[in-house]
Amino acid sequence: MVIRLTAAAIAALLLVACGTSQPTASSQSGKVRLVAAENFWGSLAAQVGGEHASVTSIITNPDTDPHAYEATPGDARTIATAQYVIANGVGYDPWVQKLVDANPVTGRKLLVVGDLFGKKEGDNPHLWYSPSYVTSYIDRVASDLGALDAADAAYFTAQAEQLKTVGMKGYFDAIGTIKQKYAGTKVGATESIFAYLADALQLNLVTPYSYLKAISEGTDPSAADKAEVEREITSKEIKVFVFNSQNSTPDILGLVGMARAAGIPVTTITETLTPQGATFQDWQTRQLQALLEALGG
């Protein structure tokens, strides 16, 4: 993946870097200043941080394609003043590391979520669709915030537990219901964003992974993969077709139409929080409930 930085962003980095000399991360407001590259990670971090963290997410617009995002001068300034930066990694947001390296700050923490789970570029980057990864991420954020603000470490731990057991109960309940009722059910999808979740739900995602990966990365799938996806739809081999509505190319919309014409329910998921400003769990739970209904209720 090409690292994209606008000329203005590079200029802003140089200005910030020239104006500081290895500054030390500190908070003037009494809150840890946290910046997340994407709002799905930012939403969870904000709920863990509560009243003792100030959280800013950079990618928040549902119409933005995170894969093609270009950093701005404002992003450079935001990251330059952060005490804690969270990136997805796995080649998904390489511009974050570029901005962090351009303005080193003593004491700043950087969490690359992919590194936390041993992922490398080329692996499926959609880690926030794995419930187990999400749970581990919440615990790690609580630990990191506690290291930055030792006086409130117990608070962050309590916030994380509250989030996992109460705040996200609907999310985990929906996962359990789908797993219990529909484990082994064959489903199809338009891209790899659904792969981690399908595995957690114990659904049988039969779409070739090479097809899912190609669509996610914006490359052309092989003719054989295209033919296989169409066969799975026209033969009604799959019970549900899962569609990333934030990546609606003419070819993908053609498959969606084909599925509907075959009487196969189509349900949508998105890459980032929808609507903008929703919590992670509300967004994910709505999608899971729609999937449950598509599967048969």
Protein backbone atom coordinates (compact mmCIF):
# COMPACT_ATOMS: atom_id res chain seq x y z
CA MET A 1 0.00 0.00 0.00
CA VAL A 2 1.29 3.47 -0.89
CA ILE A 3 1.70 5.89 2.00
CA ARG A 4 -0.24 9.03 1.07
CA LEU A 5 0.65 12.38 2.60
CA THR A 6 -0.41 15.62 0.98
CA ALA A 7 2.22 18.29 0.37
CA ALA A 8 0.46 20.48 2.93
CA ALA A 9 0.61 17.71 5.51
CA ILE A 10 4.35 17.27 4.94
CA ALA A 11 4.86 21.00 5.34
CA ALA A 12 2.88 20.95 8.57
CA LEU A 13 5.01 18.10 9.87
CA LEU A 14 8.17 20.07 9.18
CA LEU A 15 6.80 23.14 10.96
CA VAL A 16 5.75 21.11 13.99
CA ALA A 17 9.05 19.27 14.13
CA CYS A 18 11.09 22.47 13.80
CA GLY A 19 9.14 24.10 16.58
CA THR A 20 9.87 21.36 19.10
CA SER A 21 12.88 19.48 20.35
CA GLN A 22 11.97 16.07 21.71
CA PRO A 23 9.03 17.41 23.76
CA THR A 24 7.61 15.34 26.58
CA ALA A 25 4.06 14.03 26.43
CA SER A 26 2.03 15.65 29.18
CA SER A 27 -1.53 16.74 29.75
CA GLN A 28 -2.44 20.32 30.60
CA SER A 29 -6.11 19.42 31.19
CA GLY A 30 -5.58 16.47 33.51
CA LYS A 31 -6.86 14.14 30.78
CA VAL A 32 -4.77 11.82 28.64
CA ARG A 33 -4.80 13.13 25.05
CA LEU A 34 -5.53 10.13 22.83
CA VAL A 35 -5.76 10.10 19.05
CA ALA A 36 -7.16 7.13 17.11
CA ALA A 37 -6.71 6.91 13.36
CA GLU A 38 -10.20 5.42 12.93
CA ASN A 39 -13.40 6.01 14.85
CA PHE A 40 -14.16 2.33 15.50
CA TRP A 41 -11.03 2.12 17.68
CA GLY A 42 -11.61 5.65 18.97
CA SER A 43 -15.13 4.89 20.17
CA LEU A 44 -13.95 2.00 22.32
CA ALA A 45 -10.98 3.99 23.64
CA ALA A 46 -13.24 6.90 24.59
CA GLN A 47 -15.46 4.58 26.62
CA VAL A 48 -12.47 3.12 28.44
CA GLY A 49 -10.92 6.54 29.02
CA GLY A 50 -14.15 8.10 30.27
CA GLU A 51 -13.71 11.39 32.10
CA HIS A 52 -9.94 10.99 32.33
CA ALA A 53 -9.17 10.90 28.60
CA SER A 54 -9.74 13.25 25.70
CA VAL A 55 -10.17 11.15 22.55
CA THR A 56 -10.00 12.37 18.96
CA SER A 57 -10.64 10.12 15.96
CA ILE A 58 -9.25 11.20 12.61
CA ILE A 59 -11.38 9.18 10.17
CA THR A 60 -15.01 9.76 11.13
CA ASN A 61 -16.92 10.44 7.90
CA PRO A 62 -18.87 7.33 6.76
CA ASP A 63 -18.22 8.40 3.15
CA THR A 64 -14.42 8.24 3.61
CA ASP A 65 -12.56 5.20 2.29
CA PRO A 66 -9.94 4.46 4.98
CA HIS A 67 -7.88 2.45 2.49
CA ALA A 68 -7.32 5.57 0.37
CA TYR A 69 -7.19 8.21 3.11
CA GLU A 70 -4.68 11.05 2.72
CA ALA A 71 -3.38 12.73 5.87
CA THR A 72 -3.97 16.47 6.24
CA PRO A 73 -2.05 19.26 8.02
CA GLY A 74 -4.68 19.11 10.76
CA ASP A 75 -3.96 15.40 11.27
CA ALA A 76 -0.25 16.18 11.60
CA ARG A 77 -0.94 18.77 14.30
CA THR A 78 -3.39 16.50 16.12
CA ILE A 79 -0.94 13.61 16.32
CA ALA A 80 1.96 15.92 17.22
CA THR A 81 0.21 16.87 20.47
CA ALA A 82 -1.06 13.40 21.41
CA GLN A 83 0.16 11.39 24.39
CA TYR A 84 -1.32 8.16 23.05
CA VAL A 85 -1.81 7.27 19.38
CA ILE A 86 -3.74 4.25 18.12
CA ALA A 87 -3.38 2.92 14.59
CA ASN A 88 -4.91 -0.16 13.02
CA GLY A 89 -1.75 -1.25 11.20
CA VAL A 90 -1.54 -4.24 8.82
CA GLY A 91 -1.03 -1.81 5.93
CA TYR A 92 -4.40 -0.15 6.57
CA ASP A 93 -3.25 3.28 7.79
CA PRO A 94 0.52 3.59 7.16
CA TRP A 95 0.28 7.38 7.21
CA VAL A 96 -0.02 7.25 11.02
CA GLN A 97 3.49 5.91 11.52
CA LYS A 98 4.77 8.55 9.10
CA LEU A 99 3.21 11.34 11.16
CA VAL A 100 4.43 9.86 14.46
CA ASP A 101 8.00 9.48 13.17
CA ALA A 102 8.02 13.06 11.87
CA ASN A 103 7.45 14.42 15.37
CA PRO A 104 8.89 12.15 18.08
CA VAL A 105 7.65 12.87 21.58
CA THR A 106 9.20 11.50 24.75
CA GLY A 107 6.70 9.43 26.70
CA ARG A 108 4.16 9.09 23.92
CA LYS A 109 2.60 5.64 23.49
CA LEU A 110 1.80 4.19 20.09
CA LEU A 111 -0.49 1.18 19.84
CA VAL A 112 -0.56 -0.55 16.46
CA VAL A 113 -3.46 -2.95 16.86
CA GLY A 114 -2.21 -5.34 14.18
CA ASP A 115 1.10 -5.74 16.02
CA LEU A 116 -0.84 -6.67 19.15
CA PHE A 117 -2.16 -9.75 17.32
CA GLY A 118 0.92 -10.61 15.28
CA LYS A 119 -0.56 -9.44 11.98
CA LYS A 120 1.56 -8.24 9.08
CA GLU A 121 0.87 -6.31 5.89
CA GLY A 122 -1.02 -8.55 3.50
CA ASP A 123 -3.11 -10.13 6.27
CA ASN A 124 -6.77 -9.21 6.67
CA PRO A 125 -6.63 -5.72 8.26
CA HIS A 126 -10.26 -5.56 9.42
CA LEU A 127 -9.41 -6.51 13.00
CA TRP A 128 -12.33 -4.66 14.60
CA TYR A 129 -14.66 -7.29 13.14
CA SER A 130 -13.12 -9.93 15.43
CA PRO A 131 -14.91 -9.99 18.82
CA SER A 132 -11.92 -11.60 20.53
CA TYR A 133 -9.54 -8.96 19.16
CA VAL A 134 -11.92 -6.23 20.29
CA THR A 135 -11.97 -7.62 23.82
CA SER A 136 -8.17 -7.82 23.98
CA TYR A 137 -7.90 -4.31 22.56
CA ILE A 138 -10.14 -2.91 25.30
CA ASP A 139 -7.93 -4.46 27.97
CA ARG A 140 -4.77 -3.14 26.31
CA VAL A 141 -6.13 0.41 26.10
CA ALA A 142 -7.01 0.30 29.80
CA SER A 143 -3.48 -0.88 30.60
CA ASP A 144 -1.84 1.77 28.44
CA LEU A 145 -3.97 4.57 29.84
CA GLY A 146 -3.12 3.38 33.35
CA ALA A 147 0.59 3.55 32.52
CA LEU A 148 0.18 7.14 31.28
CA ASP A 149 -2.00 8.16 34.22
CA ALA A 150 -1.14 5.93 37.15
CA ALA A 151 -3.42 7.79 39.56
CA ASP A 152 -6.45 6.72 37.51
CA ALA A 153 -5.30 3.22 36.55
CA ALA A 154 -8.01 1.53 38.63
CA TYR A 155 -10.61 3.76 37.00
CA PHE A 156 -9.55 2.70 33.50
CA THR A 157 -9.65 -0.97 34.49
CA ALA A 158 -13.14 -0.57 35.89
CA GLN A 159 -14.28 1.27 32.76
CA ALA A 160 -12.99 -1.56 30.58
CA GLU A 161 -14.82 -4.19 32.62
CA GLN A 162 -18.02 -2.16 32.57
CA LEU A 163 -17.76 -1.79 28.81
CA LYS A 164 -17.21 -5.51 28.19
CA THR A 165 -19.87 -6.80 30.59
CA VAL A 166 -22.58 -4.13 30.44
CA GLY A 167 -21.99 -1.68 27.60
CA MET A 168 -21.35 -4.39 25.01
CA LYS A 169 -23.80 -6.98 26.34
CA GLY A 170 -26.13 -6.60 23.36
CA TYR A 171 -23.21 -7.05 20.97
CA PHE A 172 -22.01 -10.26 22.61
CA ASP A 173 -25.58 -11.57 23.04
CA ALA A 174 -26.26 -11.11 19.32
CA ILE A 175 -23.07 -12.97 18.47
CA GLY A 176 -24.07 -15.83 20.78
CA THR A 177 -27.55 -16.05 19.31
CA ILE A 178 -26.33 -16.26 15.71
CA LYS A 179 -23.71 -18.83 16.64
CA GLN A 180 -26.24 -20.97 18.51
CA LYS A 181 -28.91 -20.89 15.78
CA TYR A 182 -26.95 -20.76 12.55
CA ALA A 183 -23.49 -22.26 13.04
CA GLY A 184 -22.38 -23.92 9.81
CA THR A 185 -24.79 -21.97 7.59
CA LYS A 186 -23.30 -21.10 4.20
CA VAL A 187 -23.09 -17.38 3.48
CA GLY A 188 -21.42 -15.16 0.91
CA ALA A 189 -19.83 -11.73 1.15
CA THR A 190 -18.40 -9.01 -1.05
CA GLU A 191 -15.08 -8.55 0.72
CA SER A 192 -12.77 -9.58 3.55
CA ILE A 193 -14.25 -7.13 6.05
CA PHE A 194 -16.73 -9.88 7.01
CA ALA A 195 -14.24 -12.75 7.32
CA TYR A 196 -13.26 -12.34 11.00
CA LEU A 197 -16.88 -11.94 12.07
CA ALA A 198 -18.07 -14.91 10.02
CA ASP A 199 -15.45 -17.04 11.77
CA ALA A 200 -16.55 -15.80 15.20
CA LEU A 201 -20.18 -16.51 14.35
CA GLN A 202 -19.20 -19.97 13.06
CA LEU A 203 -20.86 -19.21 9.74
CA ASN A 204 -19.48 -20.98 6.68
CA LEU A 205 -18.23 -18.13 4.47
CA VAL A 206 -17.88 -19.93 1.14
CA THR A 207 -16.86 -16.96 -1.01
CA PRO A 208 -13.23 -17.54 -2.10
CA TYR A 209 -10.93 -15.57 0.18
CA SER A 210 -8.89 -14.47 -2.83
CA TYR A 211 -12.04 -12.78 -4.14
CA LEU A 212 -12.79 -11.11 -0.79
CA LYS A 213 -9.21 -9.83 -0.53
CA ALA A 214 -9.13 -8.49 -4.08
CA ILE A 215 -12.33 -6.48 -3.66
CA SER A 216 -11.17 -5.13 -0.29
CA GLU A 217 -7.87 -3.98 -1.80
CA GLY A 218 -9.44 -2.52 -4.92
CA THR A 219 -7.90 -5.00 -7.35
CA ASP A 220 -9.64 -7.12 -9.98
CA PRO A 221 -10.55 -10.67 -8.87
CA SER A 222 -9.71 -13.57 -11.15
CA ALA A 223 -12.26 -14.72 -13.71
CA ALA A 224 -12.50 -18.05 -11.89
CA ASP A 225 -13.30 -16.35 -8.58
CA LYS A 226 -15.93 -14.14 -10.21
CA ALA A 227 -17.55 -17.18 -11.80
CA GLU A 228 -17.55 -19.04 -8.47
CA VAL A 229 -19.23 -16.17 -6.62
CA GLU A 230 -21.91 -15.95 -9.30
CA ARG A 231 -22.42 -19.72 -9.18
CA GLU A 232 -22.90 -19.65 -5.40
CA ILE A 233 -25.59 -17.02 -5.86
CA THR A 234 -27.46 -18.43 -8.85
CA SER A 235 -27.45 -21.95 -7.39
CA LYS A 236 -28.69 -20.56 -4.07
CA GLU A 237 -25.85 -22.28 -2.26
CA ILE A 238 -25.68 -19.39 0.20
CA LYS A 239 -28.43 -18.36 2.59
CA VAL A 240 -27.37 -14.70 2.98
CA PHE A 241 -25.19 -12.31 0.99
CA VAL A 242 -23.27 -9.75 3.09
CA PHE A 243 -22.50 -6.48 1.32
CA ASN A 244 -20.13 -3.65 2.36
CA SER A 245 -22.27 -0.66 1.41
CA GLN A 246 -19.25 1.68 1.59
CA ASN A 247 -17.67 -0.14 -1.35
CA SER A 248 -20.42 -0.30 -3.95
CA THR A 249 -18.73 -0.70 -7.34
CA PRO A 250 -20.89 -1.53 -10.39
CA ASP A 251 -19.70 -5.15 -10.28
CA ILE A 252 -20.60 -5.48 -6.61
CA LEU A 253 -23.99 -3.87 -7.12
CA GLY A 254 -24.53 -6.37 -9.93
CA LEU A 255 -23.94 -9.23 -7.49
CA VAL A 256 -26.29 -7.66 -4.96
CA GLY A 257 -28.98 -7.44 -7.63
CA MET A 258 -28.30 -11.03 -8.65
CA ALA A 259 -28.70 -12.22 -5.05
CA ARG A 260 -31.96 -10.36 -4.59
CA ALA A 261 -33.28 -11.71 -7.88
CA ALA A 262 -32.46 -15.22 -6.65
CA GLY A 263 -34.39 -14.58 -3.43
CA ILE A 264 -31.26 -14.51 -1.26
CA PRO A 265 -31.49 -11.95 1.57
CA VAL A 266 -28.85 -9.21 1.36
CA THR A 267 -27.61 -7.52 4.52
CA THR A 268 -25.15 -4.64 4.74
CA ILE A 269 -22.14 -3.84 6.86
CA THR A 270 -19.85 -0.81 6.81
CA GLU A 271 -16.17 -0.18 7.35
CA THR A 272 -16.56 2.72 9.80
CA LEU A 273 -19.17 3.81 12.34
CA THR A 274 -22.58 4.39 10.81
CA PRO A 275 -24.18 6.74 11.55
CA GLN A 276 -21.29 9.02 12.38
CA GLY A 277 -21.16 9.44 16.15
CA ALA A 278 -22.62 6.03 16.99
CA THR A 279 -20.83 3.93 19.58
CA PHE A 280 -18.93 0.88 18.39
CA GLN A 281 -21.35 -1.49 20.08
CA ASP A 282 -24.53 0.21 18.83
CA TRP A 283 -23.19 0.14 15.25
CA GLN A 284 -22.09 -3.48 15.41
CA THR A 285 -25.20 -4.68 17.24
CA ARG A 286 -27.49 -3.14 14.61
CA GLN A 287 -25.55 -4.94 11.89
CA LEU A 288 -25.67 -8.23 13.78
CA GLN A 289 -29.41 -7.93 14.33
CA ALA A 290 -29.92 -7.28 10.60
CA LEU A 291 -27.81 -10.34 9.82
CA LEU A 292 -29.81 -12.43 12.29
CA GLU A 293 -33.05 -11.34 10.63
CA ALA A 294 -31.65 -12.15 7.18
CA LEU A 295 -30.66 -15.62 8.38
CA GLY A 296 -34.21 -16.25 9.55
CA GLY A 297 -34.54 -14.52 12.91
